[in-house]
Every structure is written in structure tokens, then in C-alpha cells.
Amino acid sequence: MSEPRIDSIASAHLPGPDVVLRAYWLAVLCAILLFGVGGCPQEAPADDDTTLADDDVTDDDDDDDDDTGDDDVDPAFEPGWTADPTDSPYSGFGHAVAGGDQFPETDREPVTVTWHDSCHLGRASGIYEPPRELIKAVPGVDFVEMESCGDNAKCCGSVLTLIKDPETAHDLGKDRLDEAVAAGADKVLALCPCCEFQLRVSADKRDVPVEVQDLAHFSAAALGYEFADPHPEVRAQWAVFEAMIALMTPRGFAELMGTMWPELIDAMPLGMGGMMRTMGKIPGVLGVMRPMFPILFPRLLPMMMPKLMPAMLERVAARVPMPDYMAEQMPEMMPEVMGNLMPHMIDDVVPLVTEPMIDYLEGHDAA
């Protein structure tokens, strides 16, 4: 089977507008399968028969390999294909360019772009030149390098950092994007969907005037294919996730607890809630008990959660507007999330909730 043409790859494998968003999330898994297994050669050996020869660049399907008419289908997408980092759709693009296939000339405005070497594709897999060759083959494109590139390329800042410490992630992403601006780039092209997302969020949060675009999307546009922009919907979905992340930090959870003191006190086991209310009416008693709270709370909270969960779900829904499909899953997901999260977070939460709880019990806070 001959190596596929650039245009046949795009027409066969790029998603339509109705599945672009879903494909973004699928791409995370694909990236792991394709590039997370290490060791991708930058180019095929000289005697490798996968290189596109000049006489293979043809529009007809006269090959006698089979009668399906699918000679131009990249084997990476055939049923039963298993993960092989050397057999990705991008390898098809690269072989096509190396074999002399060309992007069509267009009247589109010239654009200056740079390439972000993701950790998975670059340092982990050793792939640096193929994406650059593909980009440089697009008419009207001026390719520029960032100051740190190749083996020395800076990390995007990581989606994991974005989840754990958003402010740090924004700063790291801005540092990377500032290099693109300094190089004069209008766009930063990338392949890793995690890098793309982190960099887009950083550009938005730190107001960096550069666009981040997926390499396949960019290449498809160069071939004349246009798709609906998925980013507004992705950003809307991220806003939900971002609000949930903020809620699941020690301060965010302490603020959430501050909205449900009545339910929280009532959920205390062994009649302790009534006892705490009584002590709150005696001046100074709760202040004397303050050193006990870091010891009591880690023991009491797991027992309180089942009773507290309905109120917690109600408060979370009020603070984090979410799509119906997510709201439907929250009663099942939230107890498990809290069960996993609280043992690691409780020591940071207790100091944040102690004084507000005492104020509530003593009647200083009408919440």
C-alpha cells in the first residue's frame, strides 16, 4: 500500500465540527499511546519502503493491494491497529512532504509561526525535525525558533501544575509564550493537547498576545479544510473545571464549609453538635477548646460526611454552575473525591475553619 497523500490524510482523518471537542479529549489518550512509549526515530532508514516516492504521488487508486478503494488510508487508522509511535498520522504527513508532495498555493495572509517542543514528543521521543519540516512546507509561512528549543525547550508549565497550582502554571506558561512573542511569532503550533490547553489558558490569564494552534488544525487549514472553532466550548468547559479546582483547595473548601455551619454542627456524631452549641453560649469555653480542634476534626469529619453530603452537593451546585451530565454524576463522585482528598487536606483546612466556626457558635456570625 502506497504512502498516503497529504490531502487524503486530512480528508480521511480530521474530525468534522460535531466531533472536534470530543476529539480534543480523545487526543490526550492518543498522545499517550502514540508518543508516551518512547523511542520514535526522527526519520526512516534509507532502505525503509515507507518513504513516499515521486511516482507514488498520484490521485488514482489503481493499486492492486485490495479491492476496497481505501489505498490512501493511513494504516495508523485501520481497524485493529495497535499503538506504534512510528506509525502516527503525523508520520504520514512527514513522509508525504519528504517524498515531494506539496501543500497548495493559496492567497491567505502570510503568517509567522513557531513550534513548541513538548516534553513527550521532544525529550522523551526524540522527534524534533519532522514537525518543523511540515510547517516549513506550508506556503506563506515564516517559521521562527524560540530562544529555547529542541532539547533545551522549556516546559509549557503542565496541565498537572494547572490543576495543583494555577497561578504558578500561568506564570510558567507566560514565560514560554513570551519567547514566542519575542521571536515575532503570531502563532505557537503544538501537537500535545495538554501543552496546547495549558498554553491557551496561560495566554488568556496573563494576556499574552499570541495564538496557540494545533498542528493538525493548522495543516488542514493550509489544505483548504475549515472546521468550527472548538475553543469557546473548551474554555466554557474549563471554567467549570477551574471553579471546581478552586473549590477543592484548602481555602476553597474552608469557604464552602463556612456556608453550611448549621448542617455541619448538626452532622457531628455522638451528640457533639448539641454540646458544641451549648458551649458556644458560655463565654470563653470554645476558646479554651481551640487547641483540641486539630485533633478532633480529622476524626470527626469522616463520620460527618454522609450526613453533610446533601448540603455540600447543594452548595457546590450553587457555586459551580455545571452542565447536566456533570451534575448527574456529582452524587456518586463527590463522596469519593472527598474521601480521597480530605486526608491530605484536613491539616490545612482546620486552621482556616476554626475561628469562623467559633464565631458562628458564639453568635458572632449569623451564617
Protein backbone atom coordinates (compact mmCIF):
# COMPACT_ATOMS: atom_id res chain seq x y z
CA MET A 1 0.00 0.00 0.00
CA SER A 2 1.42 3.37 -1.02
CA GLU A 3 2.05 6.14 1.48
CA PRO A 4 -0.98 8.47 1.71
CA ARG A 5 -1.08 11.90 0.17
CA ILE A 6 -1.29 14.98 2.38
CA ASP A 7 -4.80 15.80 1.19
CA SER A 8 -6.06 12.24 1.63
CA ILE A 9 -4.79 12.15 5.21
CA ALA A 10 -6.64 15.34 6.06
CA SER A 11 -9.88 14.37 4.35
CA ALA A 12 -9.93 10.91 5.88
CA HIS A 13 -8.90 11.64 9.43
CA LEU A 14 -9.65 15.18 10.54
CA PRO A 15 -12.87 15.42 12.56
CA GLY A 16 -15.92 17.37 11.49
CA PRO A 17 -17.34 20.23 13.55
CA ASP A 18 -19.68 17.96 15.52
CA VAL A 19 -16.85 15.91 17.00
CA VAL A 20 -13.97 18.37 17.31
CA LEU A 21 -14.45 18.96 21.03
CA ARG A 22 -14.78 15.28 21.81
CA ALA A 23 -11.68 14.64 19.75
CA TYR A 24 -9.68 17.04 21.90
CA TRP A 25 -10.17 14.83 24.93
CA LEU A 26 -9.60 11.68 22.93
CA ALA A 27 -6.36 13.24 21.71
CA VAL A 28 -4.98 13.14 25.26
CA LEU A 29 -5.25 9.35 25.22
CA CYS A 30 -3.92 9.16 21.69
CA ALA A 31 -0.90 11.26 22.63
CA ILE A 32 -0.09 8.86 25.44
CA LEU A 33 -0.47 5.87 23.13
CA LEU A 34 1.45 7.39 20.25
CA PHE A 35 4.25 9.23 21.97
CA GLY A 36 4.35 8.05 25.57
CA VAL A 37 6.00 4.76 24.75
CA GLY A 38 9.37 6.31 23.90
CA GLY A 39 11.94 5.97 21.16
CA CYS A 40 10.47 7.47 17.97
CA PRO A 41 13.07 7.73 15.19
CA GLN A 42 13.25 11.11 13.53
CA GLU A 43 13.41 9.61 10.04
CA ALA A 44 13.09 6.23 8.42
CA PRO A 45 16.21 4.27 7.42
CA ALA A 46 17.34 4.72 3.85
CA ASP A 47 16.07 1.29 2.84
CA ASP A 48 12.67 1.70 4.51
CA ASP A 49 9.91 1.19 1.93
CA THR A 50 7.55 3.62 3.68
CA THR A 51 9.18 6.70 2.09
CA LEU A 52 6.90 8.30 -0.48
CA ALA A 53 8.46 8.01 -3.92
CA ASP A 54 7.76 10.58 -6.60
CA ASP A 55 5.87 8.07 -8.74
CA ASP A 56 3.60 7.24 -5.79
CA VAL A 57 2.15 10.77 -5.71
CA THR A 58 -0.98 10.09 -7.70
CA ASP A 59 -4.68 10.77 -7.45
CA ASP A 60 -5.79 7.36 -8.69
CA ASP A 61 -6.47 4.24 -6.66
CA ASP A 62 -5.12 1.67 -9.14
CA ASP A 63 -3.06 -0.29 -6.65
CA ASP A 64 -3.95 -3.98 -6.66
CA ASP A 65 -3.35 -4.49 -2.93
CA ASP A 66 -7.06 -4.88 -2.29
CA ASP A 67 -10.44 -4.07 -3.76
CA THR A 68 -11.68 -1.77 -1.02
CA GLY A 69 -10.71 1.51 -2.67
CA ASP A 70 -9.07 2.54 0.65
CA ASP A 71 -5.48 2.51 -0.57
CA ASP A 72 -4.96 6.03 0.72
CA VAL A 73 -5.98 5.24 4.30
CA ASP A 74 -3.17 5.69 6.79
CA PRO A 75 -2.51 2.29 8.41
CA ALA A 76 -2.48 4.07 11.76
CA PHE A 77 -6.27 4.35 11.44
CA GLU A 78 -7.10 0.89 10.11
CA PRO A 79 -9.19 -1.39 12.40
CA GLY A 80 -7.06 -3.42 14.72
CA TRP A 81 -4.13 -1.00 14.64
CA THR A 82 -2.07 -1.08 17.82
CA ALA A 83 -0.01 1.74 19.25
CA ASP A 84 3.25 2.28 17.42
CA PRO A 85 4.79 5.75 17.78
CA THR A 86 6.44 5.46 14.35
CA ASP A 87 3.08 4.90 12.65
CA SER A 88 1.09 8.01 13.56
CA PRO A 89 -0.90 10.26 11.21
CA TYR A 90 1.91 12.79 11.57
CA SER A 91 4.37 10.28 10.17
CA GLY A 92 2.13 10.17 7.10
CA PHE A 93 2.33 13.93 6.74
CA GLY A 94 6.10 13.83 7.20
CA HIS A 95 6.67 11.10 4.64
CA ALA A 96 4.42 12.89 2.16
CA VAL A 97 6.40 16.12 2.48
CA ALA A 98 9.71 14.26 2.32
CA GLY A 99 8.50 12.48 -0.81
CA GLY A 100 7.76 15.68 -2.67
CA ASP A 101 4.03 16.10 -2.08
CA GLN A 102 3.12 19.77 -1.73
CA PHE A 103 0.63 21.99 0.03
CA PRO A 104 -1.37 24.03 -2.49
CA GLU A 105 -0.55 27.67 -3.05
CA THR A 106 -3.18 29.95 -1.54
CA ASP A 107 -3.93 33.64 -1.26
CA ARG A 108 -4.07 33.51 2.54
CA GLU A 109 -2.29 36.19 4.52
CA PRO A 110 1.33 35.34 5.40
CA VAL A 111 1.80 34.25 8.99
CA THR A 112 4.79 33.89 11.30
CA VAL A 113 4.74 30.78 13.45
CA THR A 114 6.93 28.96 15.93
CA TRP A 115 6.92 25.40 17.23
CA HIS A 116 6.63 24.28 20.85
CA ASP A 117 8.67 21.14 21.54
CA SER A 118 6.53 19.25 24.03
CA CYS A 119 8.30 17.09 26.60
CA HIS A 120 6.63 13.89 25.35
CA LEU A 121 7.36 14.43 21.68
CA GLY A 122 10.75 16.06 22.13
CA ARG A 123 12.93 14.92 25.01
CA ALA A 124 11.01 11.68 25.62
CA SER A 125 10.64 10.58 21.99
CA GLY A 126 13.40 12.47 20.17
CA ILE A 127 11.13 13.96 17.49
CA TYR A 128 12.20 17.47 16.58
CA GLU A 129 12.62 17.96 12.84
CA PRO A 130 9.53 16.31 11.25
CA PRO A 131 7.04 18.86 12.60
CA ARG A 132 9.33 21.72 11.58
CA GLU A 133 9.67 20.31 8.07
CA LEU A 134 5.91 20.05 7.81
CA ILE A 135 5.40 23.64 8.96
CA LYS A 136 8.04 25.00 6.60
CA ALA A 137 6.33 23.24 3.68
CA VAL A 138 3.19 25.37 4.09
CA PRO A 139 3.11 28.30 1.64
CA GLY A 140 3.08 31.76 3.16
CA VAL A 141 4.52 30.61 6.49
CA ASP A 142 7.56 32.24 8.05
CA PHE A 143 8.96 29.84 10.65
CA VAL A 144 10.91 31.26 13.59
CA GLU A 145 12.51 29.49 16.54
CA MET A 146 12.04 30.42 20.16
CA GLU A 147 15.15 31.08 22.22
CA SER A 148 14.78 27.74 23.99
CA CYS A 149 14.00 24.91 21.59
CA GLY A 150 14.85 21.30 20.87
CA ASP A 151 16.45 19.55 23.84
CA ASN A 152 16.58 22.89 25.66
CA ALA A 153 12.91 23.76 25.13
CA LYS A 154 11.06 24.97 28.20
CA CYS A 155 8.10 23.00 29.51
CA CYS A 156 4.68 24.55 28.87
CA GLY A 157 4.03 24.55 32.61
CA SER A 158 1.96 21.36 32.63
CA VAL A 159 -1.75 20.73 32.98
CA LEU A 160 -0.92 18.96 36.26
CA THR A 161 0.56 22.22 37.55
CA LEU A 162 -2.54 23.99 36.24
CA ILE A 163 -4.66 21.72 38.42
CA LYS A 164 -2.45 21.82 41.53
CA ASP A 165 -1.17 25.41 41.45
CA PRO A 166 -2.90 27.50 38.75
CA GLU A 167 -1.01 30.72 39.42
CA THR A 168 2.36 29.00 39.02
CA ALA A 169 1.11 27.30 35.86
CA HIS A 170 0.03 30.65 34.41
CA ASP A 171 3.46 32.14 35.12
CA LEU A 172 5.31 29.19 33.57
CA GLY A 173 3.07 29.28 30.50
CA LYS A 174 3.60 33.03 30.14
CA ASP A 175 7.37 32.52 30.29
CA ARG A 176 7.13 30.09 27.37
CA LEU A 177 4.74 32.26 25.37
CA ASP A 178 6.87 35.38 25.93
CA GLU A 179 9.62 33.62 23.98
CA ALA A 180 7.24 33.20 21.05
CA VAL A 181 6.32 36.88 21.18
CA ALA A 182 10.00 37.86 21.37
CA ALA A 183 10.66 35.72 18.28
CA GLY A 184 7.97 37.62 16.40
CA ALA A 185 5.50 34.73 16.12
CA ASP A 186 1.80 35.26 15.52
CA LYS A 187 1.05 31.65 16.41
CA VAL A 188 2.54 28.90 18.55
CA LEU A 189 1.98 25.50 16.97
CA ALA A 190 1.97 22.37 19.12
CA LEU A 191 0.96 18.74 18.95
CA CYS A 192 0.48 17.70 22.59
CA PRO A 193 -3.13 18.53 23.59
CA CYS A 194 -2.07 19.05 27.21
CA CYS A 195 0.55 21.62 26.18
CA GLU A 196 -1.94 23.34 23.90
CA PHE A 197 -4.53 23.65 26.63
CA GLN A 198 -2.09 24.86 29.27
CA LEU A 199 -0.63 27.45 26.90
CA ARG A 200 -4.07 28.72 25.85
CA VAL A 201 -5.14 29.15 29.46
CA SER A 202 -1.85 30.93 30.25
CA ALA A 203 -2.26 33.26 27.26
CA ASP A 204 -5.74 34.14 28.47
CA LYS A 205 -4.84 34.57 32.15
CA ARG A 206 -1.63 36.52 31.53
CA ASP A 207 -2.86 38.43 28.47
CA VAL A 208 -0.11 37.24 26.10
CA PRO A 209 -0.88 38.34 22.51
CA VAL A 210 -0.17 35.08 20.68
CA GLU A 211 -2.45 32.32 19.37
CA VAL A 212 -1.90 28.66 20.20
CA GLN A 213 -2.98 26.26 17.46
CA ASP A 214 -2.88 22.52 16.94
CA LEU A 215 -0.55 21.35 14.18
CA ALA A 216 -3.22 19.18 12.51
CA HIS A 217 -5.70 22.06 12.50
CA PHE A 218 -3.08 24.39 11.04
CA SER A 219 -2.11 21.86 8.37
CA ALA A 220 -5.75 21.16 7.48
CA ALA A 221 -6.40 24.87 7.02
CA ALA A 222 -3.41 25.01 4.66
CA LEU A 223 -5.12 22.30 2.61
CA GLY A 224 -8.36 24.30 2.47
CA TYR A 225 -10.26 22.49 5.21
CA GLU A 226 -12.06 24.69 7.72
CA PHE A 227 -13.65 23.49 10.94
CA ALA A 228 -15.70 25.14 13.65
CA ASP A 229 -13.51 26.66 16.36
CA PRO A 230 -13.79 24.31 19.38
CA HIS A 231 -12.02 26.66 21.77
CA PRO A 232 -15.05 28.64 23.04
CA GLU A 233 -16.74 25.42 24.15
CA VAL A 234 -13.48 24.07 25.56
CA ARG A 235 -12.99 27.28 27.54
CA ALA A 236 -16.56 27.09 28.83
CA GLN A 237 -15.98 23.52 29.97
CA TRP A 238 -12.68 24.54 31.55
CA ALA A 239 -14.41 27.32 33.51
CA VAL A 240 -16.43 24.63 35.29
CA PHE A 241 -13.33 22.57 35.98
CA GLU A 242 -11.39 25.64 37.12
CA ALA A 243 -14.13 26.60 39.60
CA MET A 244 -14.16 23.04 40.93
CA ILE A 245 -10.38 23.06 41.34
CA ALA A 246 -10.58 26.30 43.32
CA LEU A 247 -13.29 24.78 45.49
CA MET A 248 -11.16 21.73 46.26
CA THR A 249 -8.24 23.75 47.66
CA PRO A 250 -7.96 24.15 51.46
CA ARG A 251 -9.17 27.75 51.29
CA GLY A 252 -11.91 26.93 48.82
CA PHE A 253 -13.17 24.06 50.97
CA ALA A 254 -12.99 26.20 54.11
CA GLU A 255 -15.13 28.82 52.38
CA LEU A 256 -17.57 26.09 51.34
CA MET A 257 -17.82 24.87 54.94
CA GLY A 258 -18.49 28.43 56.01
CA THR A 259 -21.76 28.35 54.03
CA MET A 260 -23.14 25.36 55.95
CA TRP A 261 -22.31 25.72 59.63
CA PRO A 262 -25.82 24.68 60.80
CA GLU A 263 -25.67 21.46 58.77
CA LEU A 264 -22.06 20.83 59.77
CA ILE A 265 -22.73 21.19 63.51
CA ASP A 266 -25.86 19.02 63.27
CA ALA A 267 -23.85 16.32 61.49
CA MET A 268 -21.42 15.91 64.40
CA PRO A 269 -21.70 12.38 65.85
CA LEU A 270 -22.41 11.27 69.41
CA GLY A 271 -24.46 14.34 70.25
CA MET A 272 -21.42 16.58 69.97
CA GLY A 273 -23.28 19.15 67.89
CA GLY A 274 -25.69 19.98 70.71
CA MET A 275 -22.81 20.07 73.16
CA MET A 276 -20.87 22.48 70.94
CA ARG A 277 -23.90 24.77 70.67
CA THR A 278 -24.23 24.78 74.44
CA MET A 279 -20.56 25.58 74.98
CA GLY A 280 -20.87 28.40 72.49
CA LYS A 281 -23.24 30.15 74.88
CA ILE A 282 -20.64 30.12 77.67
CA PRO A 283 -18.09 32.88 77.09
CA GLY A 284 -14.53 31.69 76.58
CA VAL A 285 -15.18 27.94 76.65
CA LEU A 286 -14.67 27.35 72.96
CA GLY A 287 -11.52 29.45 73.07
CA VAL A 288 -10.12 27.07 75.67
CA MET A 289 -11.04 24.12 73.41
CA ARG A 290 -9.32 25.66 70.37
CA PRO A 291 -6.15 23.51 70.67
CA MET A 292 -8.35 20.39 70.53
CA PHE A 293 -9.87 21.17 67.14
CA PRO A 294 -6.87 20.00 65.03
CA ILE A 295 -7.17 16.67 66.84
CA LEU A 296 -10.97 16.36 66.76
CA PHE A 297 -11.72 17.46 63.20
CA PRO A 298 -9.70 14.76 61.35
CA ARG A 299 -11.54 12.14 63.43
CA LEU A 300 -14.99 13.65 63.24
CA LEU A 301 -15.19 14.79 59.63
CA PRO A 302 -15.22 11.31 58.01
CA MET A 303 -18.15 10.39 60.26
CA MET A 304 -19.92 13.64 59.44
CA MET A 305 -19.63 13.41 55.65
CA PRO A 306 -22.60 11.09 54.94
CA LYS A 307 -25.00 13.46 56.72
CA LEU A 308 -23.25 16.52 55.38
CA MET A 309 -23.13 15.39 51.74
CA PRO A 310 -26.65 16.55 50.64
CA ALA A 311 -25.96 20.09 51.84
CA MET A 312 -22.49 20.01 50.32
CA LEU A 313 -23.84 18.95 46.93
CA GLU A 314 -26.40 21.76 47.08
CA ARG A 315 -23.75 24.38 47.91
CA VAL A 316 -21.37 23.07 45.24
CA ALA A 317 -24.13 23.27 42.62
CA ALA A 318 -24.81 26.88 43.65
CA ARG A 319 -21.15 27.88 43.45
CA VAL A 320 -20.17 25.91 40.33
CA PRO A 321 -22.75 26.08 37.51
CA MET A 322 -22.22 22.88 35.56
CA PRO A 323 -23.76 21.01 32.65
CA ASP A 324 -26.49 18.48 33.41
CA TYR A 325 -24.33 15.47 32.67
CA MET A 326 -21.81 16.58 35.28
CA ALA A 327 -24.46 17.47 37.87
CA GLU A 328 -25.95 13.99 37.47
CA GLN A 329 -22.63 12.40 38.35
CA MET A 330 -21.85 14.55 41.38
CA PRO A 331 -23.79 12.48 44.00
CA GLU A 332 -21.66 9.49 43.09
CA MET A 333 -18.39 11.31 42.50
CA MET A 334 -18.34 13.81 45.39
CA PRO A 335 -18.15 11.31 48.29
CA GLU A 336 -15.28 9.51 46.59
CA VAL A 337 -13.48 12.78 45.84
CA MET A 338 -13.81 13.97 49.41
CA GLY A 339 -12.75 10.58 50.76
CA ASN A 340 -9.54 10.77 48.75
CA LEU A 341 -8.91 14.47 49.24
CA MET A 342 -9.64 15.17 52.90
CA PRO A 343 -6.86 13.05 54.46
CA HIS A 344 -4.34 15.14 52.51
CA MET A 345 -6.06 18.48 53.03
CA ILE A 346 -7.52 18.40 56.54
CA ASP A 347 -4.43 19.74 58.32
CA ASP A 348 -4.56 22.85 56.11
CA VAL A 349 -8.33 23.24 56.39
CA VAL A 350 -8.65 23.14 60.20
CA PRO A 351 -6.79 26.42 60.89
CA LEU A 352 -8.96 28.14 58.27
CA VAL A 353 -12.29 27.00 59.74
CA THR A 354 -11.59 27.13 63.49
CA GLU A 355 -12.21 30.83 64.10
CA PRO A 356 -15.23 31.10 61.76
CA MET A 357 -16.81 28.08 63.49
CA ILE A 358 -16.22 29.58 66.95
CA ASP A 359 -17.71 32.87 65.76
CA TYR A 360 -20.78 31.03 64.49
CA LEU A 361 -21.29 29.04 67.71
CA GLU A 362 -20.82 32.15 69.84
CA GLY A 363 -23.36 34.01 67.75
CA HIS A 364 -20.93 36.48 66.20
CA ASP A 365 -21.66 35.18 62.72
CA ALA A 366 -25.27 34.97 61.61
CA ALA A 367 -24.42 32.50 58.81
